[in-house]
N, C-alpha and C. Protein backbone atom coordinates (compact mmCIF):
# COMPACT_ATOMS: atom_id res chain seq x y z
N MET A 1 0.83 -1.20 0.00
CA MET A 1 0.00 0.00 0.00
C MET A 1 0.88 1.26 0.00
N LEU A 2 1.97 1.24 0.74
CA LEU A 2 2.87 2.40 0.76
C LEU A 2 3.33 2.75 -0.65
N HIS A 3 3.72 1.73 -1.41
CA HIS A 3 4.22 1.98 -2.76
C HIS A 3 3.11 2.42 -3.70
N LEU A 4 1.91 1.89 -3.52
CA LEU A 4 0.77 2.32 -4.34
C LEU A 4 0.49 3.80 -4.11
N LEU A 5 0.48 4.20 -2.86
CA LEU A 5 0.23 5.60 -2.55
C LEU A 5 1.36 6.49 -3.04
N TYR A 6 2.58 5.99 -2.96
CA TYR A 6 3.73 6.81 -3.39
C TYR A 6 3.74 6.99 -4.91
N CYS A 7 3.46 5.90 -5.63
CA CYS A 7 3.56 5.96 -7.10
C CYS A 7 2.32 6.55 -7.76
N TYR A 8 1.15 6.30 -7.16
CA TYR A 8 -0.09 6.69 -7.85
C TYR A 8 -0.99 7.61 -7.02
N GLY A 9 -0.66 7.81 -5.76
CA GLY A 9 -1.55 8.58 -4.89
C GLY A 9 -1.23 10.05 -4.84
N HIS A 10 -1.30 10.73 -5.96
CA HIS A 10 -1.03 12.17 -6.01
C HIS A 10 -2.34 12.91 -6.34
N PRO A 11 -3.02 13.50 -5.38
CA PRO A 11 -2.58 13.63 -3.99
C PRO A 11 -3.01 12.48 -3.09
N HIS A 12 -3.96 11.62 -3.55
CA HIS A 12 -4.46 10.57 -2.66
C HIS A 12 -5.11 9.49 -3.53
N LEU A 13 -5.48 8.39 -2.88
CA LEU A 13 -6.25 7.33 -3.53
C LEU A 13 -7.47 7.04 -2.68
N GLY A 14 -8.56 6.69 -3.36
CA GLY A 14 -9.79 6.34 -2.66
C GLY A 14 -9.79 4.87 -2.28
N LEU A 15 -10.68 4.52 -1.37
CA LEU A 15 -10.77 3.14 -0.91
C LEU A 15 -11.11 2.21 -2.06
N GLY A 16 -12.00 2.65 -2.95
CA GLY A 16 -12.35 1.80 -4.09
C GLY A 16 -11.15 1.53 -4.99
N GLU A 17 -10.34 2.54 -5.20
CA GLU A 17 -9.15 2.36 -6.03
C GLU A 17 -8.15 1.40 -5.37
N LEU A 18 -8.00 1.52 -4.06
CA LEU A 18 -7.10 0.63 -3.35
C LEU A 18 -7.58 -0.82 -3.41
N ARG A 19 -8.88 -1.00 -3.25
CA ARG A 19 -9.43 -2.36 -3.32
C ARG A 19 -9.25 -2.95 -4.71
N GLN A 20 -9.41 -2.12 -5.72
CA GLN A 20 -9.20 -2.57 -7.09
C GLN A 20 -7.76 -3.03 -7.30
N ALA A 21 -6.82 -2.39 -6.57
CA ALA A 21 -5.40 -2.74 -6.69
C ALA A 21 -4.98 -3.85 -5.73
N GLY A 22 -5.94 -4.43 -5.00
CA GLY A 22 -5.64 -5.58 -4.16
C GLY A 22 -5.52 -5.30 -2.68
N ILE A 23 -5.74 -4.05 -2.25
CA ILE A 23 -5.70 -3.72 -0.82
C ILE A 23 -7.10 -3.90 -0.27
N ASP A 24 -7.42 -5.12 0.17
CA ASP A 24 -8.80 -5.41 0.53
C ASP A 24 -8.95 -5.90 1.97
N CYS A 25 -7.90 -5.80 2.75
CA CYS A 25 -7.99 -6.21 4.16
C CYS A 25 -7.74 -4.98 5.02
N TYR A 26 -8.79 -4.28 5.36
CA TYR A 26 -8.66 -2.96 5.99
C TYR A 26 -7.90 -3.03 7.31
N ASN A 27 -8.29 -3.96 8.19
CA ASN A 27 -7.69 -4.00 9.52
C ASN A 27 -6.21 -4.34 9.49
N ASP A 28 -5.82 -5.27 8.62
CA ASP A 28 -4.43 -5.74 8.59
C ASP A 28 -3.52 -4.85 7.76
N THR A 29 -4.09 -4.04 6.89
CA THR A 29 -3.25 -3.23 6.00
C THR A 29 -3.46 -1.75 6.23
N ILE A 30 -4.62 -1.24 5.89
CA ILE A 30 -4.85 0.21 5.96
C ILE A 30 -4.81 0.72 7.40
N GLN A 31 -5.59 0.11 8.28
CA GLN A 31 -5.65 0.60 9.65
C GLN A 31 -4.30 0.47 10.35
N HIS A 32 -3.59 -0.59 10.05
CA HIS A 32 -2.27 -0.79 10.66
C HIS A 32 -1.33 0.36 10.30
N LEU A 33 -1.34 0.79 9.04
CA LEU A 33 -0.47 1.88 8.61
C LEU A 33 -0.94 3.22 9.15
N ILE A 34 -2.24 3.39 9.32
CA ILE A 34 -2.75 4.61 9.93
C ILE A 34 -2.32 4.69 11.40
N ASP A 35 -2.43 3.55 12.10
CA ASP A 35 -2.03 3.51 13.51
C ASP A 35 -0.54 3.83 13.67
N LYS A 36 0.27 3.42 12.69
CA LYS A 36 1.72 3.67 12.74
C LYS A 36 2.08 5.05 12.19
N GLN A 37 1.07 5.81 11.80
CA GLN A 37 1.24 7.18 11.28
C GLN A 37 2.06 7.22 10.00
N ALA A 38 1.97 6.13 9.22
CA ALA A 38 2.60 6.12 7.90
C ALA A 38 1.62 6.57 6.83
N VAL A 39 0.31 6.40 7.10
CA VAL A 39 -0.74 6.77 6.16
C VAL A 39 -1.75 7.64 6.89
N GLU A 40 -2.27 8.64 6.17
CA GLU A 40 -3.29 9.53 6.73
C GLU A 40 -4.60 9.34 6.00
N ARG A 41 -5.69 9.36 6.74
CA ARG A 41 -7.02 9.22 6.15
C ARG A 41 -7.65 10.59 5.98
N GLY A 42 -8.16 10.83 4.77
CA GLY A 42 -8.81 12.10 4.49
C GLY A 42 -10.31 11.93 4.36
N ALA A 43 -10.94 12.91 3.77
CA ALA A 43 -12.40 12.87 3.59
C ALA A 43 -12.79 11.84 2.54
N SER A 44 -14.00 11.32 2.66
CA SER A 44 -14.59 10.42 1.67
C SER A 44 -13.73 9.19 1.42
N ASP A 45 -13.18 8.62 2.51
CA ASP A 45 -12.37 7.40 2.41
C ASP A 45 -11.23 7.54 1.41
N THR A 46 -10.50 8.62 1.50
CA THR A 46 -9.29 8.78 0.70
C THR A 46 -8.08 8.67 1.62
N TYR A 47 -6.95 8.25 1.03
CA TYR A 47 -5.77 7.99 1.83
C TYR A 47 -4.54 8.55 1.13
N GLN A 48 -3.60 9.04 1.95
CA GLN A 48 -2.34 9.54 1.42
C GLN A 48 -1.21 9.22 2.39
N LEU A 49 0.01 9.27 1.90
CA LEU A 49 1.15 9.04 2.76
C LEU A 49 1.33 10.20 3.73
N SER A 50 1.82 9.89 4.91
CA SER A 50 2.21 10.96 5.83
C SER A 50 3.47 11.62 5.28
N PRO A 51 3.77 12.86 5.64
CA PRO A 51 4.99 13.50 5.16
C PRO A 51 6.25 12.71 5.49
N ALA A 52 6.30 12.09 6.67
CA ALA A 52 7.48 11.33 7.05
C ALA A 52 7.65 10.09 6.17
N ALA A 53 6.55 9.39 5.90
CA ALA A 53 6.63 8.20 5.05
C ALA A 53 7.04 8.57 3.63
N ARG A 54 6.49 9.67 3.12
CA ARG A 54 6.86 10.10 1.77
C ARG A 54 8.35 10.46 1.71
N ALA A 55 8.86 11.12 2.73
CA ALA A 55 10.28 11.49 2.75
C ALA A 55 11.17 10.25 2.75
N ILE A 56 10.77 9.22 3.48
CA ILE A 56 11.55 7.98 3.51
C ILE A 56 11.55 7.32 2.14
N LEU A 57 10.40 7.24 1.50
CA LEU A 57 10.31 6.59 0.20
C LEU A 57 11.02 7.39 -0.89
N GLU A 58 11.13 8.69 -0.70
CA GLU A 58 11.87 9.50 -1.66
C GLU A 58 13.37 9.30 -1.55
N THR A 59 13.82 8.84 -0.39
CA THR A 59 15.25 8.74 -0.11
C THR A 59 15.77 7.32 -0.13
N CYS A 60 14.95 6.38 0.32
CA CYS A 60 15.39 5.00 0.51
C CYS A 60 14.55 4.04 -0.32
N ILE A 61 15.14 2.88 -0.62
CA ILE A 61 14.38 1.79 -1.23
C ILE A 61 13.75 1.00 -0.10
N VAL A 62 12.44 0.93 -0.09
CA VAL A 62 11.71 0.23 0.96
C VAL A 62 11.10 -1.02 0.35
N ALA A 63 11.40 -2.17 0.94
CA ALA A 63 10.89 -3.44 0.39
C ALA A 63 10.46 -4.35 1.53
N ASN A 64 9.65 -5.32 1.21
CA ASN A 64 9.22 -6.30 2.18
C ASN A 64 10.41 -7.15 2.61
N ARG A 65 10.51 -7.46 3.89
CA ARG A 65 11.60 -8.31 4.36
C ARG A 65 11.48 -9.69 3.74
N ARG A 66 12.57 -10.13 3.13
CA ARG A 66 12.57 -11.50 2.57
C ARG A 66 12.57 -12.52 3.69
N TRP A 67 13.35 -12.24 4.72
CA TRP A 67 13.39 -13.07 5.92
C TRP A 67 13.30 -12.17 7.14
N SER A 68 12.63 -12.63 8.17
CA SER A 68 12.71 -11.91 9.44
C SER A 68 14.08 -12.18 10.02
N GLY A 69 14.62 -11.24 10.74
CA GLY A 69 15.95 -11.43 11.30
C GLY A 69 16.55 -10.12 11.74
N ASP A 70 17.87 -10.04 11.65
CA ASP A 70 18.56 -8.86 12.13
C ASP A 70 18.21 -7.62 11.31
N ASP A 71 18.20 -6.48 11.98
CA ASP A 71 18.06 -5.21 11.28
C ASP A 71 19.39 -4.87 10.60
N MET A 72 19.33 -4.03 9.59
CA MET A 72 20.54 -3.68 8.86
C MET A 72 21.35 -2.66 9.64
N ARG A 73 22.65 -2.94 9.77
CA ARG A 73 23.56 -1.99 10.38
C ARG A 73 24.25 -1.21 9.26
N VAL A 74 24.50 0.06 9.52
CA VAL A 74 25.10 0.95 8.52
C VAL A 74 26.45 1.43 9.03
N ASP A 75 27.47 1.35 8.17
CA ASP A 75 28.80 1.90 8.47
C ASP A 75 29.42 1.27 9.71
N TYR A 76 29.05 0.04 10.01
CA TYR A 76 29.57 -0.65 11.20
C TYR A 76 30.93 -1.27 10.88
N PRO A 77 31.90 -1.20 11.80
CA PRO A 77 33.24 -1.71 11.51
C PRO A 77 33.33 -3.23 11.55
N GLU A 78 32.64 -3.85 10.64
CA GLU A 78 32.70 -5.31 10.48
C GLU A 78 32.70 -5.62 8.99
N GLY A 79 33.61 -6.46 8.57
CA GLY A 79 33.68 -6.85 7.17
C GLY A 79 33.18 -8.27 6.98
N PHE A 80 32.34 -8.46 5.98
CA PHE A 80 31.86 -9.80 5.61
C PHE A 80 32.59 -10.21 4.34
N VAL A 81 33.24 -11.37 4.39
CA VAL A 81 34.10 -11.81 3.30
C VAL A 81 33.39 -12.84 2.44
N ILE A 82 33.20 -12.47 1.17
CA ILE A 82 32.60 -13.34 0.17
C ILE A 82 33.71 -13.79 -0.78
N MET A 83 33.94 -15.10 -0.88
CA MET A 83 34.99 -15.59 -1.76
C MET A 83 34.81 -17.09 -1.98
N PRO A 84 35.44 -17.64 -3.00
CA PRO A 84 35.42 -19.10 -3.16
C PRO A 84 36.40 -19.72 -2.16
N PHE A 85 35.88 -20.40 -1.16
CA PHE A 85 36.74 -20.89 -0.08
C PHE A 85 37.39 -22.24 -0.38
N SER A 86 37.09 -22.83 -1.53
CA SER A 86 37.64 -24.17 -1.81
C SER A 86 38.81 -24.17 -2.79
N GLU A 87 39.23 -22.98 -3.26
CA GLU A 87 40.37 -22.92 -4.17
C GLU A 87 41.67 -23.19 -3.39
N SER A 88 42.70 -23.61 -4.12
CA SER A 88 43.98 -23.95 -3.47
C SER A 88 44.60 -22.74 -2.76
N TRP A 89 44.27 -21.54 -3.22
CA TRP A 89 44.85 -20.32 -2.67
C TRP A 89 43.94 -19.62 -1.67
N SER A 90 42.73 -20.15 -1.48
CA SER A 90 41.72 -19.44 -0.69
C SER A 90 42.15 -19.17 0.74
N ASP A 91 42.57 -20.22 1.42
CA ASP A 91 42.87 -20.06 2.84
C ASP A 91 44.05 -19.12 3.05
N ARG A 92 45.07 -19.24 2.22
CA ARG A 92 46.24 -18.37 2.36
C ARG A 92 45.87 -16.92 2.10
N LEU A 93 45.05 -16.68 1.08
CA LEU A 93 44.61 -15.31 0.78
C LEU A 93 43.85 -14.73 1.96
N TYR A 94 42.98 -15.51 2.54
CA TYR A 94 42.19 -15.02 3.66
C TYR A 94 43.08 -14.74 4.86
N ARG A 95 43.94 -15.70 5.23
CA ARG A 95 44.74 -15.58 6.45
C ARG A 95 45.84 -14.53 6.33
N GLU A 96 46.43 -14.39 5.13
CA GLU A 96 47.60 -13.51 4.99
C GLU A 96 47.27 -12.12 4.46
N MET A 97 46.10 -11.96 3.86
CA MET A 97 45.79 -10.66 3.29
C MET A 97 44.48 -10.07 3.80
N ILE A 98 43.38 -10.77 3.62
CA ILE A 98 42.07 -10.16 3.90
C ILE A 98 41.83 -9.98 5.39
N GLU A 99 41.95 -11.04 6.17
CA GLU A 99 41.69 -10.94 7.61
C GLU A 99 42.61 -9.94 8.29
N PRO A 100 43.94 -10.01 8.09
CA PRO A 100 44.80 -9.03 8.77
C PRO A 100 44.57 -7.59 8.32
N ALA A 101 44.14 -7.39 7.06
CA ALA A 101 43.85 -6.03 6.60
C ALA A 101 42.67 -5.46 7.35
N LEU A 102 41.65 -6.26 7.59
CA LEU A 102 40.49 -5.81 8.34
C LEU A 102 40.85 -5.57 9.81
N ILE A 103 41.58 -6.49 10.40
CA ILE A 103 41.94 -6.36 11.81
C ILE A 103 42.83 -5.14 12.03
N ALA A 104 43.72 -4.85 11.07
CA ALA A 104 44.62 -3.71 11.21
C ALA A 104 43.87 -2.38 11.28
N THR A 105 42.67 -2.34 10.74
CA THR A 105 41.87 -1.12 10.78
C THR A 105 40.87 -1.13 11.95
N GLY A 106 41.00 -2.11 12.85
CA GLY A 106 40.12 -2.18 14.00
C GLY A 106 38.76 -2.75 13.70
N MET A 107 38.65 -3.48 12.58
CA MET A 107 37.37 -4.04 12.19
C MET A 107 37.33 -5.53 12.48
N SER A 108 36.16 -6.05 12.80
CA SER A 108 35.99 -7.48 12.93
C SER A 108 35.79 -8.09 11.55
N CYS A 109 36.02 -9.39 11.45
CA CYS A 109 36.02 -10.07 10.15
C CYS A 109 35.18 -11.33 10.23
N VAL A 110 34.25 -11.48 9.30
CA VAL A 110 33.36 -12.65 9.27
C VAL A 110 33.50 -13.33 7.92
N ARG A 111 33.80 -14.62 7.94
CA ARG A 111 33.92 -15.40 6.70
C ARG A 111 32.55 -15.88 6.24
N GLY A 112 32.36 -15.84 4.93
CA GLY A 112 31.08 -16.28 4.39
C GLY A 112 30.80 -17.75 4.60
N ASP A 113 31.85 -18.57 4.78
CA ASP A 113 31.61 -20.01 4.96
C ASP A 113 31.43 -20.38 6.43
N THR A 114 31.37 -19.40 7.31
CA THR A 114 31.13 -19.70 8.74
C THR A 114 29.70 -19.39 9.15
N ALA A 115 28.85 -19.03 8.19
CA ALA A 115 27.45 -18.79 8.51
C ALA A 115 26.83 -20.07 9.07
N VAL A 116 25.96 -19.92 10.04
CA VAL A 116 25.33 -21.06 10.68
C VAL A 116 24.62 -21.92 9.64
N ARG A 117 24.87 -23.20 9.66
CA ARG A 117 24.32 -24.10 8.64
C ARG A 117 23.00 -24.73 9.06
N VAL A 118 22.43 -24.25 10.15
CA VAL A 118 21.13 -24.75 10.60
C VAL A 118 20.05 -23.84 10.04
N GLY A 119 19.00 -24.44 9.48
CA GLY A 119 17.91 -23.64 8.93
C GLY A 119 18.22 -23.18 7.52
N ASP A 120 17.66 -22.05 7.15
CA ASP A 120 17.78 -21.51 5.80
C ASP A 120 19.14 -20.84 5.64
N LEU A 121 20.02 -21.44 4.83
CA LEU A 121 21.36 -20.89 4.65
C LEU A 121 21.31 -19.51 4.02
N ASN A 122 20.41 -19.31 3.05
CA ASN A 122 20.30 -18.01 2.42
C ASN A 122 19.95 -16.93 3.43
N ARG A 123 19.08 -17.26 4.37
CA ARG A 123 18.74 -16.28 5.41
C ARG A 123 19.95 -15.97 6.27
N ASN A 124 20.76 -16.99 6.60
CA ASN A 124 21.93 -16.76 7.43
C ASN A 124 22.95 -15.87 6.72
N ILE A 125 23.13 -16.08 5.41
CA ILE A 125 24.01 -15.22 4.63
C ILE A 125 23.44 -13.80 4.60
N TRP A 126 22.14 -13.70 4.41
CA TRP A 126 21.45 -12.40 4.39
C TRP A 126 21.71 -11.64 5.69
N ASP A 127 21.55 -12.33 6.82
CA ASP A 127 21.77 -11.69 8.12
C ASP A 127 23.20 -11.21 8.26
N SER A 128 24.16 -11.99 7.77
CA SER A 128 25.57 -11.61 7.87
C SER A 128 25.85 -10.36 7.05
N ILE A 129 25.28 -10.29 5.86
CA ILE A 129 25.47 -9.11 5.02
C ILE A 129 24.77 -7.90 5.63
N MET A 130 23.59 -8.12 6.20
CA MET A 130 22.85 -7.03 6.84
C MET A 130 23.66 -6.42 7.98
N ARG A 131 24.38 -7.25 8.73
CA ARG A 131 25.12 -6.76 9.90
C ARG A 131 26.42 -6.07 9.52
N ALA A 132 27.03 -6.46 8.42
CA ALA A 132 28.34 -5.94 8.05
C ALA A 132 28.26 -4.51 7.56
N GLY A 133 29.29 -3.73 7.91
CA GLY A 133 29.35 -2.37 7.37
C GLY A 133 29.92 -2.36 5.97
N VAL A 134 30.81 -3.31 5.69
CA VAL A 134 31.47 -3.37 4.39
C VAL A 134 31.61 -4.83 3.98
N VAL A 135 31.60 -5.07 2.68
CA VAL A 135 31.71 -6.43 2.14
C VAL A 135 32.98 -6.52 1.30
N ILE A 136 33.73 -7.60 1.51
CA ILE A 136 34.92 -7.88 0.70
C ILE A 136 34.57 -9.06 -0.19
N ALA A 137 34.62 -8.88 -1.50
CA ALA A 137 34.24 -9.94 -2.44
C ALA A 137 35.40 -10.26 -3.36
N GLU A 138 35.79 -11.54 -3.42
CA GLU A 138 36.87 -11.99 -4.29
C GLU A 138 36.24 -12.69 -5.50
N VAL A 139 36.54 -12.19 -6.72
CA VAL A 139 35.83 -12.67 -7.91
C VAL A 139 36.78 -13.19 -8.99
N SER A 140 37.94 -13.69 -8.60
CA SER A 140 38.93 -14.12 -9.60
C SER A 140 38.47 -15.32 -10.39
N VAL A 141 37.63 -16.17 -9.80
CA VAL A 141 37.11 -17.34 -10.51
C VAL A 141 35.59 -17.29 -10.48
N PRO A 142 34.92 -17.76 -11.55
CA PRO A 142 33.45 -17.76 -11.57
C PRO A 142 32.91 -18.66 -10.46
N ASN A 143 32.06 -18.12 -9.63
CA ASN A 143 31.51 -18.88 -8.52
C ASN A 143 30.09 -18.39 -8.26
N PRO A 144 29.08 -19.23 -8.49
CA PRO A 144 27.68 -18.79 -8.34
C PRO A 144 27.37 -18.25 -6.95
N ASN A 145 27.90 -18.87 -5.90
CA ASN A 145 27.62 -18.39 -4.55
C ASN A 145 28.17 -16.98 -4.33
N VAL A 146 29.38 -16.75 -4.83
CA VAL A 146 29.99 -15.43 -4.69
C VAL A 146 29.14 -14.39 -5.42
N PHE A 147 28.74 -14.71 -6.65
CA PHE A 147 27.96 -13.75 -7.43
C PHE A 147 26.61 -13.48 -6.79
N TYR A 148 25.98 -14.52 -6.25
CA TYR A 148 24.69 -14.35 -5.58
C TYR A 148 24.82 -13.45 -4.36
N GLU A 149 25.81 -13.73 -3.52
CA GLU A 149 26.00 -12.94 -2.31
C GLU A 149 26.43 -11.52 -2.63
N LEU A 150 27.24 -11.35 -3.67
CA LEU A 150 27.63 -10.02 -4.10
C LEU A 150 26.41 -9.23 -4.58
N GLY A 151 25.50 -9.92 -5.27
CA GLY A 151 24.27 -9.27 -5.72
C GLY A 151 23.41 -8.81 -4.54
N LEU A 152 23.33 -9.64 -3.49
CA LEU A 152 22.59 -9.23 -2.29
C LEU A 152 23.21 -7.98 -1.68
N ALA A 153 24.54 -7.96 -1.60
CA ALA A 153 25.22 -6.82 -0.99
C ALA A 153 24.96 -5.54 -1.78
N HIS A 154 25.02 -5.63 -3.11
CA HIS A 154 24.76 -4.46 -3.94
C HIS A 154 23.30 -4.01 -3.81
N ALA A 155 22.38 -4.97 -3.77
CA ALA A 155 20.96 -4.62 -3.67
C ALA A 155 20.67 -3.90 -2.35
N LEU A 156 21.39 -4.26 -1.29
CA LEU A 156 21.20 -3.63 0.01
C LEU A 156 21.94 -2.30 0.14
N GLY A 157 22.73 -1.97 -0.88
CA GLY A 157 23.47 -0.72 -0.84
C GLY A 157 24.71 -0.76 0.03
N LYS A 158 25.23 -1.96 0.29
CA LYS A 158 26.43 -2.07 1.10
C LYS A 158 27.66 -1.61 0.31
N ASP A 159 28.62 -1.03 1.02
CA ASP A 159 29.89 -0.70 0.40
C ASP A 159 30.66 -2.00 0.17
N VAL A 160 31.17 -2.18 -1.06
CA VAL A 160 31.81 -3.43 -1.45
C VAL A 160 33.20 -3.16 -2.00
N PHE A 161 34.18 -3.92 -1.52
CA PHE A 161 35.52 -3.93 -2.07
C PHE A 161 35.66 -5.21 -2.88
N ILE A 162 35.85 -5.08 -4.19
CA ILE A 162 35.96 -6.24 -5.07
C ILE A 162 37.43 -6.53 -5.34
N LEU A 163 37.87 -7.73 -4.99
CA LEU A 163 39.25 -8.15 -5.18
C LEU A 163 39.36 -9.10 -6.35
N LYS A 164 40.46 -9.01 -7.07
CA LYS A 164 40.75 -10.01 -8.11
C LYS A 164 42.24 -10.10 -8.32
N GLN A 165 42.66 -11.29 -8.71
CA GLN A 165 44.07 -11.50 -8.99
C GLN A 165 44.44 -10.85 -10.32
N LYS A 166 45.69 -10.47 -10.43
CA LYS A 166 46.16 -9.89 -11.68
C LYS A 166 45.94 -10.89 -12.81
N ASP A 167 45.52 -10.37 -13.95
CA ASP A 167 45.27 -11.16 -15.16
C ASP A 167 44.05 -12.05 -15.07
N ALA A 168 43.30 -12.02 -13.97
CA ALA A 168 42.07 -12.82 -13.89
C ALA A 168 41.02 -12.19 -14.79
N ARG A 169 40.31 -13.02 -15.51
CA ARG A 169 39.24 -12.56 -16.41
C ARG A 169 37.92 -12.62 -15.65
N THR A 170 37.19 -11.53 -15.70
CA THR A 170 35.93 -11.44 -14.97
C THR A 170 34.77 -11.26 -15.95
N PRO A 171 33.54 -11.57 -15.52
CA PRO A 171 32.38 -11.44 -16.40
C PRO A 171 32.21 -10.01 -16.92
N ALA A 172 31.62 -9.91 -18.10
CA ALA A 172 31.41 -8.59 -18.71
C ALA A 172 30.56 -7.69 -17.83
N ASP A 173 29.65 -8.29 -17.04
CA ASP A 173 28.77 -7.49 -16.17
C ASP A 173 29.55 -6.73 -15.11
N PHE A 174 30.77 -7.16 -14.83
CA PHE A 174 31.60 -6.47 -13.85
C PHE A 174 32.51 -5.45 -14.50
N GLY A 175 32.33 -5.22 -15.78
CA GLY A 175 33.26 -4.37 -16.52
C GLY A 175 33.43 -2.98 -15.96
N GLY A 176 32.38 -2.43 -15.36
CA GLY A 176 32.48 -1.07 -14.83
C GLY A 176 32.85 -1.00 -13.37
N ALA A 177 33.09 -2.16 -12.75
CA ALA A 177 33.39 -2.18 -11.32
C ALA A 177 34.82 -1.74 -11.05
N HIS A 178 35.05 -1.20 -9.87
CA HIS A 178 36.40 -0.83 -9.45
C HIS A 178 37.00 -1.99 -8.68
N TYR A 179 38.11 -2.52 -9.20
CA TYR A 179 38.75 -3.67 -8.59
C TYR A 179 39.97 -3.26 -7.79
N TYR A 180 40.29 -4.09 -6.81
CA TYR A 180 41.55 -4.00 -6.10
C TYR A 180 42.35 -5.23 -6.50
N GLU A 181 43.31 -5.04 -7.38
CA GLU A 181 44.09 -6.17 -7.86
C GLU A 181 45.19 -6.53 -6.87
N TYR A 182 45.52 -7.81 -6.84
CA TYR A 182 46.60 -8.27 -5.97
C TYR A 182 47.32 -9.42 -6.66
N ASP A 183 48.51 -9.72 -6.15
CA ASP A 183 49.35 -10.80 -6.67
C ASP A 183 49.51 -11.83 -5.57
N LEU A 184 49.21 -13.09 -5.88
CA LEU A 184 49.33 -14.15 -4.87
C LEU A 184 50.75 -14.28 -4.35
N ASP A 185 51.73 -13.85 -5.13
CA ASP A 185 53.12 -13.92 -4.69
C ASP A 185 53.55 -12.69 -3.90
N GLN A 186 52.65 -11.73 -3.74
CA GLN A 186 52.97 -10.51 -3.01
C GLN A 186 51.80 -10.12 -2.10
N LEU A 187 51.40 -11.05 -1.26
CA LEU A 187 50.24 -10.81 -0.41
C LEU A 187 50.49 -9.75 0.66
N ASP A 188 51.74 -9.61 1.08
CA ASP A 188 52.04 -8.54 2.04
C ASP A 188 51.73 -7.17 1.45
N ASP A 189 52.11 -6.99 0.20
CA ASP A 189 51.82 -5.73 -0.48
C ASP A 189 50.31 -5.55 -0.63
N GLY A 190 49.62 -6.62 -1.02
CA GLY A 190 48.17 -6.56 -1.15
C GLY A 190 47.49 -6.24 0.16
N ARG A 191 47.99 -6.82 1.26
CA ARG A 191 47.42 -6.54 2.58
C ARG A 191 47.57 -5.07 2.96
N GLN A 192 48.75 -4.52 2.71
CA GLN A 192 48.99 -3.13 3.06
C GLN A 192 48.08 -2.19 2.27
N ARG A 193 47.93 -2.47 0.98
CA ARG A 193 47.09 -1.60 0.15
C ARG A 193 45.62 -1.74 0.53
N LEU A 194 45.18 -2.97 0.79
CA LEU A 194 43.79 -3.18 1.18
C LEU A 194 43.52 -2.53 2.54
N SER A 195 44.46 -2.67 3.46
CA SER A 195 44.29 -2.06 4.77
C SER A 195 44.17 -0.55 4.67
N ALA A 196 44.98 0.06 3.80
CA ALA A 196 44.93 1.51 3.62
C ALA A 196 43.58 1.95 3.07
N GLU A 197 43.04 1.18 2.11
CA GLU A 197 41.73 1.52 1.54
C GLU A 197 40.61 1.33 2.56
N LEU A 198 40.70 0.28 3.35
CA LEU A 198 39.69 0.05 4.37
C LEU A 198 39.74 1.14 5.44
N GLN A 199 40.94 1.61 5.75
CA GLN A 199 41.06 2.68 6.73
C GLN A 199 40.42 3.96 6.21
N LYS A 200 40.61 4.23 4.92
CA LYS A 200 39.96 5.39 4.32
C LYS A 200 38.44 5.27 4.43
N TRP A 201 37.94 4.07 4.17
CA TRP A 201 36.49 3.84 4.27
C TRP A 201 36.02 4.06 5.70
N ALA A 202 36.73 3.47 6.67
CA ALA A 202 36.32 3.57 8.07
C ALA A 202 36.34 5.02 8.53
N ASP A 203 37.35 5.77 8.10
CA ASP A 203 37.43 7.18 8.50
C ASP A 203 36.30 7.99 7.86
N SER A 204 36.00 7.70 6.59
CA SER A 204 35.00 8.50 5.87
C SER A 204 33.60 8.32 6.43
N VAL A 205 33.31 7.11 6.94
CA VAL A 205 31.96 6.84 7.47
C VAL A 205 31.91 6.93 8.99
N HIS A 206 33.04 7.27 9.61
CA HIS A 206 33.11 7.39 11.08
C HIS A 206 32.69 6.07 11.74
N ALA A 207 33.27 4.96 11.26
CA ALA A 207 32.89 3.63 11.75
C ALA A 207 33.13 3.48 13.24
N THR A 208 34.21 4.08 13.76
CA THR A 208 34.48 3.97 15.19
C THR A 208 33.36 4.62 16.00
N GLY A 209 32.88 5.77 15.56
CA GLY A 209 31.78 6.44 16.23
C GLY A 209 30.50 5.65 16.16
N VAL A 210 30.28 4.97 15.02
CA VAL A 210 29.07 4.14 14.88
C VAL A 210 29.11 3.01 15.91
N LYS A 211 30.26 2.37 16.05
CA LYS A 211 30.37 1.25 17.01
C LYS A 211 30.11 1.73 18.43
N GLN A 212 30.52 2.94 18.75
CA GLN A 212 30.34 3.47 20.10
C GLN A 212 28.87 3.72 20.44
N LEU A 213 28.01 3.70 19.43
CA LEU A 213 26.58 3.88 19.67
C LEU A 213 25.93 2.64 20.24
N GLU A 214 26.64 1.51 20.20
CA GLU A 214 26.08 0.26 20.70
C GLU A 214 25.78 0.38 22.19
N ARG A 215 24.71 -0.28 22.55
CA ARG A 215 24.34 -0.33 23.98
C ARG A 215 24.50 -1.75 24.49
């Protein structure tokens, strides 16, 4: 109903129009939004968004929760690592470059393959991305899980650092992305450069101050 009113309710929509569009459960939909002060009722059973709700929809993408779970954290000093964990170089890359780069900037580090395997795995990955302030994605080899999780991160508007090995060929869809290239034979150099970029990110979003807001 919020989106119907935002897209078509200029200045308002009538009850008949809403019912025609599928809003036919007054108590569970219309009255609930009125009680929450997201929707205002006018004369002759007409409805419009409250100024606050309209301002939110003008600024943010509002969608139905795919899964119930954690709320999204913004600019939090935690990195979620998306990468193919079964490659011969995966563990060394993580231990020698990615994890220490995050720790050096005072950020916690969560591996994508450590998500709880009980219940819906997609929901657990979703929760991990929701909690992270920044996402580190390694795309040197085609990997459906990596691409899926990277897509979730982009859809949520998370800041993403995309890593790839030198000379690695990536899909055409990534052609406009900004990569951080590294050399498997020079992981110390890659760690230092990644750490410097992560520090710039943390400083720009005041990640330390965000963490201090925790209760």
